[in-house]
Amino acid sequence: MTVSYKKLWKILIDKDMKKKDLREATGMSTTSLTKLSKNENINTEILVKICKVLECDIGDIMEVTSDES
């Protein structure tokens, strides 16, 4: 299973926000932001903070897909 945050980046574009703005609004570290950019797993607490800032649900910012063999 792989995680994709493409939906998050689309929402940021729609809201005219930069990754830096999101990082500052949520208080997340640059390390967490880098993990998001690389579609790596991050703490659920951070995902909840992102959802609060963007006023959305977790399913609106990420999706889990099965690995293709």
PDB file of N, CA and C in Angstrom:
ATOM      1  N   MET A   1       0.839  -1.170   0.000  1.00  0.00           N
ATOM      2  CA  MET A   1       0.000   0.000   0.000  1.00  0.00           C
ATOM      3  C   MET A   1       0.893   1.245   0.000  1.00  0.00           C
ATOM      4  N   THR A   2       0.528   2.187  -0.801  1.00  0.00           N
ATOM      5  CA  THR A   2       1.264   3.441  -0.844  1.00  0.00           C
ATOM      6  C   THR A   2       0.327   4.609  -0.558  1.00  0.00           C
ATOM      7  N   VAL A   3       0.905   5.669  -0.033  1.00  0.00           N
ATOM      8  CA  VAL A   3       0.151   6.864   0.310  1.00  0.00           C
ATOM      9  C   VAL A   3       0.464   7.943  -0.717  1.00  0.00           C
ATOM     10  N   SER A   4      -0.564   8.677  -1.122  1.00  0.00           N
ATOM     11  CA  SER A   4      -0.368   9.787  -2.055  1.00  0.00           C
ATOM     12  C   SER A   4      -1.023  11.037  -1.486  1.00  0.00           C
ATOM     13  N   TYR A   5      -0.292  12.140  -1.537  1.00  0.00           N
ATOM     14  CA  TYR A   5      -0.807  13.422  -1.048  1.00  0.00           C
ATOM     15  C   TYR A   5      -1.095  14.386  -2.202  1.00  0.00           C
ATOM     16  N   LYS A   6      -1.327  13.862  -3.393  1.00  0.00           N
ATOM     17  CA  LYS A   6      -1.616  14.714  -4.544  1.00  0.00           C
ATOM     18  C   LYS A   6      -2.831  15.605  -4.297  1.00  0.00           C
ATOM     19  N   LYS A   7      -3.815  15.053  -3.608  1.00  0.00           N
ATOM     20  CA  LYS A   7      -5.029  15.830  -3.306  1.00  0.00           C
ATOM     21  C   LYS A   7      -4.686  17.046  -2.444  1.00  0.00           C
ATOM     22  N   LEU A   8      -3.756  16.878  -1.524  1.00  0.00           N
ATOM     23  CA  LEU A   8      -3.339  17.990  -0.668  1.00  0.00           C
ATOM     24  C   LEU A   8      -2.738  19.107  -1.503  1.00  0.00           C
ATOM     25  N   TRP A   9      -1.860  18.750  -2.431  1.00  0.00           N
ATOM     26  CA  TRP A   9      -1.200  19.780  -3.245  1.00  0.00           C
ATOM     27  C   TRP A   9      -2.216  20.503  -4.134  1.00  0.00           C
ATOM     28  N   LYS A  10      -3.236  19.787  -4.599  1.00  0.00           N
ATOM     29  CA  LYS A  10      -4.278  20.421  -5.402  1.00  0.00           C
ATOM     30  C   LYS A  10      -5.070  21.418  -4.561  1.00  0.00           C
ATOM     31  N   ILE A  11      -5.384  21.050  -3.323  1.00  0.00           N
ATOM     32  CA  ILE A  11      -6.118  21.960  -2.436  1.00  0.00           C
ATOM     33  C   ILE A  11      -5.290  23.209  -2.169  1.00  0.00           C
ATOM     34  N   LEU A  12      -3.993  23.039  -1.961  1.00  0.00           N
ATOM     35  CA  LEU A  12      -3.134  24.204  -1.729  1.00  0.00           C
ATOM     36  C   LEU A  12      -3.149  25.139  -2.931  1.00  0.00           C
ATOM     37  N   ILE A  13      -3.105  24.577  -4.122  1.00  0.00           N
ATOM     38  CA  ILE A  13      -3.165  25.394  -5.337  1.00  0.00           C
ATOM     39  C   ILE A  13      -4.502  26.128  -5.399  1.00  0.00           C
ATOM     40  N   ASP A  14      -5.596  25.412  -5.130  1.00  0.00           N
ATOM     41  CA  ASP A  14      -6.929  26.015  -5.172  1.00  0.00           C
ATOM     42  C   ASP A  14      -7.075  27.141  -4.152  1.00  0.00           C
ATOM     43  N   LYS A  15      -6.417  27.009  -3.001  1.00  0.00           N
ATOM     44  CA  LYS A  15      -6.510  28.021  -1.945  1.00  0.00           C
ATOM     45  C   LYS A  15      -5.388  29.052  -2.049  1.00  0.00           C
ATOM     46  N   ASP A  16      -4.598  28.960  -3.105  1.00  0.00           N
ATOM     47  CA  ASP A  16      -3.485  29.879  -3.341  1.00  0.00           C
ATOM     48  C   ASP A  16      -2.526  29.914  -2.148  1.00  0.00           C
ATOM     49  N   MET A  17      -2.212  28.721  -1.632  1.00  0.00           N
ATOM     50  CA  MET A  17      -1.276  28.590  -0.512  1.00  0.00           C
ATOM     51  C   MET A  17      -0.006  27.895  -0.991  1.00  0.00           C
ATOM     52  N   LYS A  18       1.088  28.249  -0.370  1.00  0.00           N
ATOM     53  CA  LYS A  18       2.355  27.583  -0.641  1.00  0.00           C
ATOM     54  C   LYS A  18       2.621  26.576   0.472  1.00  0.00           C
ATOM     55  N   LYS A  19       3.527  25.657   0.219  1.00  0.00           N
ATOM     56  CA  LYS A  19       3.873  24.663   1.228  1.00  0.00           C
ATOM     57  C   LYS A  19       4.371  25.355   2.505  1.00  0.00           C
ATOM     58  N   LYS A  20       5.096  26.429   2.335  1.00  0.00           N
ATOM     59  CA  LYS A  20       5.606  27.191   3.486  1.00  0.00           C
ATOM     60  C   LYS A  20       4.442  27.729   4.312  1.00  0.00           C
ATOM     61  N   ASP A  21       3.407  28.216   3.653  1.00  0.00           N
ATOM     62  CA  ASP A  21       2.236  28.732   4.364  1.00  0.00           C
ATOM     63  C   ASP A  21       1.573  27.631   5.179  1.00  0.00           C
ATOM     64  N   LEU A  22       1.456  26.451   4.588  1.00  0.00           N
ATOM     65  CA  LEU A  22       0.856  25.317   5.279  1.00  0.00           C
ATOM     66  C   LEU A  22       1.695  24.930   6.486  1.00  0.00           C
ATOM     67  N   ARG A  23       3.000  24.889   6.307  1.00  0.00           N
ATOM     68  CA  ARG A  23       3.898  24.526   7.402  1.00  0.00           C
ATOM     69  C   ARG A  23       3.748  25.498   8.569  1.00  0.00           C
ATOM     70  N   GLU A  24       3.705  26.786   8.261  1.00  0.00           N
ATOM     71  CA  GLU A  24       3.574  27.795   9.313  1.00  0.00           C
ATOM     72  C   GLU A  24       2.208  27.735   9.987  1.00  0.00           C
ATOM     73  N   ALA A  25       1.156  27.510   9.228  1.00  0.00           N
ATOM     74  CA  ALA A  25      -0.204  27.479   9.779  1.00  0.00           C
ATOM     75  C   ALA A  25      -0.432  26.272  10.691  1.00  0.00           C
ATOM     76  N   THR A  26       0.229  25.160  10.388  1.00  0.00           N
ATOM     77  CA  THR A  26       0.037  23.937  11.180  1.00  0.00           C
ATOM     78  C   THR A  26       1.087  23.779  12.267  1.00  0.00           C
ATOM     79  N   GLY A  27       2.204  24.470  12.133  1.00  0.00           N
ATOM     80  CA  GLY A  27       3.291  24.324  13.094  1.00  0.00           C
ATOM     81  C   GLY A  27       4.103  23.054  12.886  1.00  0.00           C
ATOM     82  N   MET A  28       3.956  22.438  11.718  1.00  0.00           N
ATOM     83  CA  MET A  28       4.712  21.206  11.449  1.00  0.00           C
ATOM     84  C   MET A  28       6.161  21.534  11.104  1.00  0.00           C
ATOM     85  N   SER A  29       7.009  20.549  11.270  1.00  0.00           N
ATOM     86  CA  SER A  29       8.430  20.736  10.980  1.00  0.00           C
ATOM     87  C   SER A  29       8.691  20.636   9.478  1.00  0.00           C
ATOM     88  N   THR A  30       9.856  21.114   9.094  1.00  0.00           N
ATOM     89  CA  THR A  30      10.246  20.992   7.682  1.00  0.00           C
ATOM     90  C   THR A  30      10.437  19.522   7.315  1.00  0.00           C
ATOM     91  N   THR A  31      10.825  18.708   8.298  1.00  0.00           N
ATOM     92  CA  THR A  31      10.983  17.275   8.056  1.00  0.00           C
ATOM     93  C   THR A  31       9.653  16.638   7.675  1.00  0.00           C
ATOM     94  N   SER A  32       8.593  17.002   8.386  1.00  0.00           N
ATOM     95  CA  SER A  32       7.260  16.468   8.081  1.00  0.00           C
ATOM     96  C   SER A  32       6.808  16.919   6.701  1.00  0.00           C
ATOM     97  N   LEU A  33       7.079  18.159   6.362  1.00  0.00           N
ATOM     98  CA  LEU A  33       6.704  18.670   5.046  1.00  0.00           C
ATOM     99  C   LEU A  33       7.459  17.928   3.948  1.00  0.00           C
ATOM    100  N   THR A  34       8.721  17.633   4.189  1.00  0.00           N
ATOM    101  CA  THR A  34       9.512  16.869   3.225  1.00  0.00           C
ATOM    102  C   THR A  34       8.937  15.469   3.045  1.00  0.00           C
ATOM    103  N   LYS A  35       8.522  14.839   4.152  1.00  0.00           N
ATOM    104  CA  LYS A  35       7.913  13.510   4.069  1.00  0.00           C
ATOM    105  C   LYS A  35       6.631  13.567   3.246  1.00  0.00           C
ATOM    106  N   LEU A  36       5.831  14.608   3.421  1.00  0.00           N
ATOM    107  CA  LEU A  36       4.616  14.771   2.624  1.00  0.00           C
ATOM    108  C   LEU A  36       4.975  14.872   1.145  1.00  0.00           C
ATOM    109  N   SER A  37       5.984  15.654   0.843  1.00  0.00           N
ATOM    110  CA  SER A  37       6.395  15.859  -0.546  1.00  0.00           C
ATOM    111  C   SER A  37       6.866  14.563  -1.197  1.00  0.00           C
ATOM    112  N   LYS A  38       7.406  13.652  -0.381  1.00  0.00           N
ATOM    113  CA  LYS A  38       7.913  12.377  -0.895  1.00  0.00           C
ATOM    114  C   LYS A  38       6.892  11.254  -0.763  1.00  0.00           C
ATOM    115  N   ASN A  39       5.644  11.603  -0.415  1.00  0.00           N
ATOM    116  CA  ASN A  39       4.566  10.618  -0.219  1.00  0.00           C
ATOM    117  C   ASN A  39       4.951   9.552   0.799  1.00  0.00           C
ATOM    118  N   GLU A  40       5.609   9.972   1.862  1.00  0.00           N
ATOM    119  CA  GLU A  40       5.973   9.059   2.937  1.00  0.00           C
ATOM    120  C   GLU A  40       4.941   9.160   4.055  1.00  0.00           C
ATOM    121  N   ASN A  41       4.907   8.162   4.922  1.00  0.00           N
ATOM    122  CA  ASN A  41       3.970   8.165   6.041  1.00  0.00           C
ATOM    123  C   ASN A  41       4.364   9.219   7.064  1.00  0.00           C
ATOM    124  N   ILE A  42       3.354   9.913   7.603  1.00  0.00           N
ATOM    125  CA  ILE A  42       3.594  10.888   8.659  1.00  0.00           C
ATOM    126  C   ILE A  42       2.583  10.657   9.776  1.00  0.00           C
ATOM    127  N   ASN A  43       2.812  11.307  10.878  1.00  0.00           N
ATOM    128  CA  ASN A  43       1.984  11.188  12.062  1.00  0.00           C
ATOM    129  C   ASN A  43       0.548  11.640  11.771  1.00  0.00           C
ATOM    130  N   THR A  44      -0.408  10.890  12.277  1.00  0.00           N
ATOM    131  CA  THR A  44      -1.823  11.235  12.080  1.00  0.00           C
ATOM    132  C   THR A  44      -2.150  12.592  12.692  1.00  0.00           C
ATOM    133  N   GLU A  45      -1.485  12.932  13.770  1.00  0.00           N
ATOM    134  CA  GLU A  45      -1.708  14.225  14.422  1.00  0.00           C
ATOM    135  C   GLU A  45      -1.450  15.379  13.448  1.00  0.00           C
ATOM    136  N   ILE A  46      -0.434  15.242  12.637  1.00  0.00           N
ATOM    137  CA  ILE A  46      -0.105  16.274  11.648  1.00  0.00           C
ATOM    138  C   ILE A  46      -1.194  16.339  10.582  1.00  0.00           C
ATOM    139  N   LEU A  47      -1.680  15.178  10.149  1.00  0.00           N
ATOM    140  CA  LEU A  47      -2.755  15.157   9.154  1.00  0.00           C
ATOM    141  C   LEU A  47      -4.006  15.855   9.691  1.00  0.00           C
ATOM    142  N   VAL A  48      -4.307  15.650  10.966  1.00  0.00           N
ATOM    143  CA  VAL A  48      -5.472  16.290  11.584  1.00  0.00           C
ATOM    144  C   VAL A  48      -5.280  17.805  11.624  1.00  0.00           C
ATOM    145  N   LYS A  49      -4.076  18.265  11.951  1.00  0.00           N
ATOM    146  CA  LYS A  49      -3.794  19.704  11.963  1.00  0.00           C
ATOM    147  C   LYS A  49      -3.986  20.301  10.571  1.00  0.00           C
ATOM    148  N   ILE A  50      -3.514  19.584   9.555  1.00  0.00           N
ATOM    149  CA  ILE A  50      -3.672  20.055   8.170  1.00  0.00           C
ATOM    150  C   ILE A  50      -5.152  20.175   7.834  1.00  0.00           C
ATOM    151  N   CYS A  51      -5.927  19.174   8.219  1.00  0.00           N
ATOM    152  CA  CYS A  51      -7.368  19.190   7.939  1.00  0.00           C
ATOM    153  C   CYS A  51      -8.060  20.362   8.632  1.00  0.00           C
ATOM    154  N   LYS A  52      -7.652  20.672   9.851  1.00  0.00           N
ATOM    155  CA  LYS A  52      -8.242  21.801  10.574  1.00  0.00           C
ATOM    156  C   LYS A  52      -7.942  23.106   9.860  1.00  0.00           C
ATOM    157  N   VAL A  53      -6.691  23.277   9.437  1.00  0.00           N
ATOM    158  CA  VAL A  53      -6.291  24.509   8.755  1.00  0.00           C
ATOM    159  C   VAL A  53      -7.017  24.654   7.416  1.00  0.00           C
ATOM    160  N   LEU A  54      -7.129  23.563   6.675  1.00  0.00           N
ATOM    161  CA  LEU A  54      -7.745  23.614   5.343  1.00  0.00           C
ATOM    162  C   LEU A  54      -9.260  23.391   5.383  1.00  0.00           C
ATOM    163  N   GLU A  55      -9.784  23.095   6.587  1.00  0.00           N
ATOM    164  CA  GLU A  55     -11.214  22.851   6.773  1.00  0.00           C
ATOM    165  C   GLU A  55     -11.708  21.756   5.835  1.00  0.00           C
ATOM    166  N   CYS A  56     -11.080  20.592   5.962  1.00  0.00           N
ATOM    167  CA  CYS A  56     -11.431  19.459   5.110  1.00  0.00           C
ATOM    168  C   CYS A  56     -11.302  18.163   5.903  1.00  0.00           C
ATOM    169  N   ASP A  57     -11.541  17.052   5.250  1.00  0.00           N
ATOM    170  CA  ASP A  57     -11.446  15.730   5.852  1.00  0.00           C
ATOM    171  C   ASP A  57     -10.155  15.063   5.374  1.00  0.00           C
ATOM    172  N   ILE A  58      -9.695  14.055   6.102  1.00  0.00           N
ATOM    173  CA  ILE A  58      -8.451  13.371   5.733  1.00  0.00           C
ATOM    174  C   ILE A  58      -8.531  12.795   4.316  1.00  0.00           C
ATOM    175  N   GLY A  59      -9.685  12.294   3.935  1.00  0.00           N
ATOM    176  CA  GLY A  59      -9.853  11.748   2.593  1.00  0.00           C
ATOM    177  C   GLY A  59      -9.724  12.799   1.503  1.00  0.00           C
ATOM    178  N   ASP A  60      -9.833  14.074   1.884  1.00  0.00           N
ATOM    179  CA  ASP A  60      -9.695  15.166   0.918  1.00  0.00           C
ATOM    180  C   ASP A  60      -8.233  15.506   0.631  1.00  0.00           C
ATOM    181  N   ILE A  61      -7.319  15.066   1.509  1.00  0.00           N
ATOM    182  CA  ILE A  61      -5.912  15.443   1.331  1.00  0.00           C
ATOM    183  C   ILE A  61      -4.998  14.273   0.997  1.00  0.00           C
ATOM    184  N   MET A  62      -5.487  13.055   1.151  1.00  0.00           N
ATOM    185  CA  MET A  62      -4.630  11.909   0.881  1.00  0.00           C
ATOM    186  C   MET A  62      -5.446  10.726   0.376  1.00  0.00           C
ATOM    187  N   GLU A  63      -4.740   9.786  -0.226  1.00  0.00           N
ATOM    188  CA  GLU A  63      -5.383   8.531  -0.617  1.00  0.00           C
ATOM    189  C   GLU A  63      -4.359   7.415  -0.496  1.00  0.00           C
ATOM    190  N   VAL A  64      -4.879   6.232  -0.206  1.00  0.00           N
ATOM    191  CA  VAL A  64      -4.027   5.051  -0.076  1.00  0.00           C
ATOM    192  C   VAL A  64      -4.363   4.140  -1.258  1.00  0.00           C
ATOM    193  N   THR A  65      -3.334   3.769  -1.990  1.00  0.00           N
ATOM    194  CA  THR A  65      -3.539   2.906  -3.150  1.00  0.00           C
ATOM    195  C   THR A  65      -2.716   1.636  -2.980  1.00  0.00           C
ATOM    196  N   SER A  66      -3.159   0.578  -3.620  1.00  0.00           N
ATOM    197  CA  SER A  66      -2.424  -0.680  -3.532  1.00  0.00           C
ATOM    198  C   SER A  66      -1.249  -0.645  -4.495  1.00  0.00           C
ATOM    199  N   ASP A  67      -0.167  -1.259  -4.078  1.00  0.00           N
ATOM    200  CA  ASP A  67       1.025  -1.348  -4.928  1.00  0.00           C
ATOM    201  C   ASP A  67       0.725  -2.283  -6.098  1.00  0.00           C
ATOM    202  N   GLU A  68       1.200  -1.891  -7.260  1.00  0.00           N
ATOM    203  CA  GLU A  68       1.024  -2.766  -8.422  1.00  0.00           C
ATOM    204  C   GLU A  68       2.225  -3.677  -8.534  1.00  0.00           C
ATOM    205  N   SER A  69       1.969  -4.951  -8.638  1.00  0.00           N
ATOM    206  CA  SER A  69       3.070  -5.927  -8.698  1.00  0.00           C
ATOM    207  C   SER A  69       3.602  -6.047 -10.102  1.00  0.00           C
TER     208      SER A  69
END
